[in-house]
Amino acid sequence: MERIIHVLQLWSDFEKTHPGSEFEDFCRFYLAKPEIKAFKPVGSGKQPTPPDDDSMFMMTVSRTTLAFWGYMRIALKGTSMPSIESLMVCAALNALGESSKTDVINYSMFEVSTGMDMIKRLVKAGFINQRTDPRDKRSRLLTISDEGKKVLFQCFKKSTLARDILLHGVTEDDKKLVSRILFPIQEKHAKLSVESKGKPIEDIYNSFVGEEKRV
């Protein structure tokens, strides 16, 4: 009975940190725990092993993302899309519909100066249309042009190839488990990081992490 209570407690804790998860997700998580505890990565010699779990997690996420960007840069060479950043702006507009420059920049998670420069180039290239906002004559509303959409969907096909290369050999269950873990993190920090622009990192830490440590 004690073992059952222990498993139920673990399941309850899992649901708190993984909202929207299913029982099958918990089962995969639970069965993977002994393997995770025993996992000790061996450095290749060129890439040192991180000293703790937090560093290991961030290295894994960031270098996996960098590897995907590497494949994406190769994929975009056969298109007229200027860069990955340009692709992100066009994809943002395609998802948002007609939007202000600020909304597109925040959705793309760019710095304001970088985003404005990217939008200016895409307007000049004919990938983005803009018009005066009827509610505010000083502002411009953006939409992706027919040409921009044509190139964007060409890039989406190319990105599928890059994605399949990166995920080759990864099981469907592992993809679902990792997505369940990472989705709440990106959902929270995609918003938080945009709202925190201009603040010192120490202030962000104290208002977010520091609060939790004081509880």
Protein backbone atom coordinates (compact mmCIF):
# COMPACT_ATOMS: atom_id res chain seq x y z
CA MET A 1 0.00 0.00 0.00
CA GLU A 2 2.88 2.38 0.81
CA ARG A 3 4.26 1.94 -2.72
CA ILE A 4 0.86 2.79 -4.22
CA ILE A 5 0.62 5.94 -2.10
CA HIS A 6 4.16 6.87 -3.14
CA VAL A 7 3.31 6.49 -6.85
CA LEU A 8 0.09 8.49 -6.42
CA GLN A 9 2.07 11.29 -4.75
CA LEU A 10 4.57 11.30 -7.61
CA TRP A 11 1.70 11.44 -10.09
CA SER A 12 0.17 14.38 -8.21
CA ASP A 13 3.51 16.22 -8.23
CA PHE A 14 3.93 15.49 -11.94
CA GLU A 15 0.50 16.96 -12.78
CA LYS A 16 1.37 20.17 -10.91
CA THR A 17 4.52 20.72 -12.96
CA HIS A 18 3.09 19.36 -16.24
CA PRO A 19 -0.43 20.83 -16.62
CA GLY A 20 -2.54 19.16 -19.27
CA SER A 21 -0.50 15.96 -19.15
CA GLU A 22 -2.08 12.51 -19.48
CA PHE A 23 -1.54 9.43 -17.31
CA GLU A 24 0.53 7.92 -20.13
CA ASP A 25 2.91 10.89 -19.91
CA PHE A 26 3.40 10.25 -16.19
CA CYS A 27 4.05 6.56 -16.86
CA ARG A 28 6.78 7.42 -19.38
CA PHE A 29 8.25 9.92 -16.94
CA TYR A 30 8.16 7.46 -14.05
CA LEU A 31 9.71 4.61 -16.02
CA ALA A 32 12.46 6.92 -17.29
CA LYS A 33 13.49 8.15 -13.82
CA PRO A 34 15.94 5.34 -12.97
CA GLU A 35 17.57 5.73 -16.38
CA ILE A 36 17.86 9.49 -15.92
CA LYS A 37 19.45 9.11 -12.48
CA ALA A 38 21.99 6.65 -13.84
CA PHE A 39 22.79 8.77 -16.90
CA LYS A 40 26.30 10.18 -16.82
CA PRO A 41 27.26 11.83 -20.10
CA VAL A 42 30.79 11.33 -21.26
CA GLY A 43 32.51 14.37 -22.77
CA SER A 44 33.82 13.95 -26.29
CA GLY A 45 37.03 15.74 -25.42
CA LYS A 46 36.02 18.74 -27.50
CA GLN A 47 32.81 19.33 -25.56
CA PRO A 48 33.19 19.34 -21.75
CA THR A 49 30.53 17.72 -19.60
CA PRO A 50 28.40 20.30 -17.72
CA PRO A 51 28.96 20.26 -13.94
CA ASP A 52 25.30 20.03 -12.85
CA ASP A 53 21.77 19.14 -14.03
CA ASP A 54 20.76 22.75 -14.75
CA SER A 55 23.82 23.30 -16.95
CA MET A 56 23.28 19.96 -18.66
CA PHE A 57 19.64 20.81 -19.39
CA MET A 58 20.47 24.22 -20.86
CA MET A 59 23.41 22.89 -22.90
CA THR A 60 21.18 20.17 -24.34
CA VAL A 61 18.36 22.54 -25.27
CA SER A 62 20.57 25.32 -26.63
CA ARG A 63 22.93 23.12 -28.68
CA THR A 64 20.00 21.14 -30.10
CA THR A 65 18.45 24.44 -31.20
CA LEU A 66 21.74 25.61 -32.69
CA ALA A 67 22.05 22.34 -34.61
CA PHE A 68 18.55 22.85 -36.04
CA TRP A 69 19.41 26.45 -37.06
CA GLY A 70 22.47 25.04 -38.81
CA TYR A 71 20.31 22.69 -40.87
CA MET A 72 17.82 25.51 -41.51
CA ARG A 73 20.52 27.81 -42.92
CA ILE A 74 21.46 25.04 -45.35
CA ALA A 75 17.80 24.50 -46.26
CA LEU A 76 17.17 28.22 -46.94
CA LYS A 77 20.03 28.45 -49.44
CA GLY A 78 17.70 27.15 -52.13
CA THR A 79 15.08 29.84 -51.47
CA SER A 80 14.84 33.62 -51.80
CA MET A 81 14.28 34.04 -48.04
CA PRO A 82 17.17 36.26 -46.84
CA SER A 83 17.70 34.65 -43.41
CA ILE A 84 16.20 32.61 -40.58
CA GLU A 85 15.28 35.87 -38.86
CA SER A 86 13.37 36.97 -41.97
CA LEU A 87 11.59 33.63 -41.98
CA MET A 88 10.57 34.15 -38.35
CA VAL A 89 9.06 37.57 -39.13
CA CYS A 90 7.12 36.24 -42.11
CA ALA A 91 5.94 33.23 -40.10
CA ALA A 92 4.82 35.57 -37.30
CA LEU A 93 2.74 37.64 -39.71
CA ASN A 94 1.28 34.53 -41.28
CA ALA A 95 0.18 33.35 -37.83
CA LEU A 96 -0.99 36.71 -36.47
CA GLY A 97 -2.60 38.22 -39.54
CA GLU A 98 -2.49 42.00 -39.96
CA SER A 99 -0.49 43.33 -37.02
CA SER A 100 1.51 46.28 -35.74
CA LYS A 101 5.28 46.28 -35.94
CA THR A 102 5.50 45.98 -32.16
CA ASP A 103 3.29 42.89 -32.06
CA VAL A 104 5.31 41.19 -34.80
CA ILE A 105 8.63 42.01 -33.12
CA ASN A 106 7.41 40.75 -29.73
CA TYR A 107 5.97 37.57 -31.24
CA SER A 108 9.29 36.94 -33.00
CA MET A 109 11.14 37.73 -29.74
CA PHE A 110 13.56 40.18 -31.37
CA GLU A 111 15.13 43.32 -30.00
CA VAL A 112 13.25 46.38 -31.28
CA SER A 113 16.13 47.67 -33.42
CA THR A 114 16.75 44.25 -34.96
CA GLY A 115 13.05 43.71 -35.64
CA MET A 116 12.54 47.15 -37.21
CA ASP A 117 15.52 46.64 -39.50
CA MET A 118 14.27 43.19 -40.52
CA ILE A 119 10.77 44.51 -41.28
CA LYS A 120 12.19 47.39 -43.32
CA ARG A 121 14.19 44.96 -45.46
CA LEU A 122 11.24 42.63 -45.98
CA VAL A 123 8.99 45.53 -47.02
CA LYS A 124 11.62 46.63 -49.52
CA ALA A 125 11.93 43.06 -50.84
CA GLY A 126 8.15 42.86 -51.34
CA PHE A 127 7.60 40.13 -48.76
CA ILE A 128 5.57 42.40 -46.47
CA ASN A 129 2.88 44.99 -47.21
CA GLN A 130 2.20 47.90 -44.89
CA ARG A 131 -0.55 50.49 -44.57
CA THR A 132 -1.34 53.36 -42.24
CA ASP A 133 -3.27 52.32 -39.16
CA PRO A 134 -6.66 54.08 -39.46
CA ARG A 135 -6.83 54.32 -35.65
CA ASP A 136 -3.35 55.89 -35.36
CA LYS A 137 -1.92 57.73 -38.38
CA ARG A 138 1.59 57.50 -36.90
CA SER A 139 1.57 53.69 -36.92
CA ARG A 140 1.76 51.09 -39.69
CA LEU A 141 -0.07 47.81 -39.99
CA LEU A 142 1.73 44.89 -41.63
CA THR A 143 0.54 41.91 -43.65
CA ILE A 144 2.50 39.23 -45.45
CA SER A 145 2.31 39.71 -49.23
CA ASP A 146 1.37 37.02 -51.74
CA GLU A 147 5.04 36.74 -52.73
CA GLY A 148 6.08 36.54 -49.09
CA LYS A 149 3.55 33.80 -48.41
CA LYS A 150 4.69 31.87 -51.49
CA VAL A 151 8.31 31.92 -50.33
CA LEU A 152 7.31 31.22 -46.72
CA PHE A 153 5.52 28.01 -47.62
CA GLN A 154 8.46 26.98 -49.76
CA CYS A 155 10.60 27.45 -46.66
CA PHE A 156 8.15 25.44 -44.57
CA LYS A 157 8.70 22.48 -46.89
CA LYS A 158 12.45 22.90 -46.56
CA SER A 159 12.16 23.19 -42.78
CA THR A 160 10.39 19.82 -42.70
CA LEU A 161 13.53 18.25 -44.15
CA ALA A 162 15.69 19.97 -41.52
CA ARG A 163 13.31 18.84 -38.78
CA ASP A 164 13.27 15.25 -39.96
CA ILE A 165 17.07 15.17 -40.04
CA LEU A 166 17.29 16.44 -36.48
CA LEU A 167 14.61 14.10 -35.08
CA HIS A 168 15.63 10.98 -37.01
CA GLY A 169 15.77 8.06 -34.57
CA VAL A 170 13.80 9.83 -31.81
CA THR A 171 10.73 7.81 -30.80
CA GLU A 172 7.21 9.27 -30.86
CA ASP A 173 6.88 8.67 -27.12
CA ASP A 174 10.07 10.62 -26.42
CA LYS A 175 8.89 13.52 -28.59
CA LYS A 176 5.60 13.68 -26.69
CA LEU A 177 7.32 13.53 -23.30
CA VAL A 178 9.84 16.25 -24.13
CA SER A 179 7.09 18.44 -25.61
CA ARG A 180 5.02 18.04 -22.43
CA ILE A 181 8.02 19.14 -20.35
CA LEU A 182 9.17 22.06 -22.50
CA PHE A 183 5.85 23.53 -23.67
CA PRO A 184 4.90 25.15 -20.33
CA ILE A 185 8.43 26.57 -20.05
CA GLN A 186 8.38 28.23 -23.46
CA GLU A 187 4.81 29.42 -22.98
CA LYS A 188 5.76 31.22 -19.76
CA HIS A 189 9.13 32.64 -20.78
CA ALA A 190 8.25 33.66 -24.33
CA LYS A 191 6.02 36.25 -22.67
CA LEU A 192 8.23 36.99 -19.68
CA SER A 193 11.38 37.58 -21.72
CA VAL A 194 9.57 40.11 -23.93
CA GLU A 195 8.11 41.94 -20.92
CA SER A 196 11.56 42.04 -19.32
CA LYS A 197 13.33 43.85 -22.16
CA GLY A 198 15.40 46.74 -20.83
CA LYS A 199 15.66 45.36 -17.29
CA PRO A 200 18.96 44.20 -15.73
CA ILE A 201 19.16 40.41 -15.46
CA GLU A 202 19.61 40.74 -11.67
CA ASP A 203 16.25 42.53 -11.37
CA ILE A 204 14.51 39.87 -13.44
CA TYR A 205 16.08 37.16 -11.28
CA ASN A 206 15.08 38.82 -8.01
CA SER A 207 11.48 39.45 -9.08
CA PHE A 208 11.00 35.95 -10.47
CA VAL A 209 13.37 33.37 -8.99
CA GLY A 210 14.04 35.32 -5.79
CA GLU A 211 10.35 35.44 -4.93
CA GLU A 212 10.06 31.66 -5.14
CA LYS A 213 13.15 31.11 -3.00
CA ARG A 214 11.76 33.37 -0.29
CA VAL A 215 8.49 31.42 -0.10
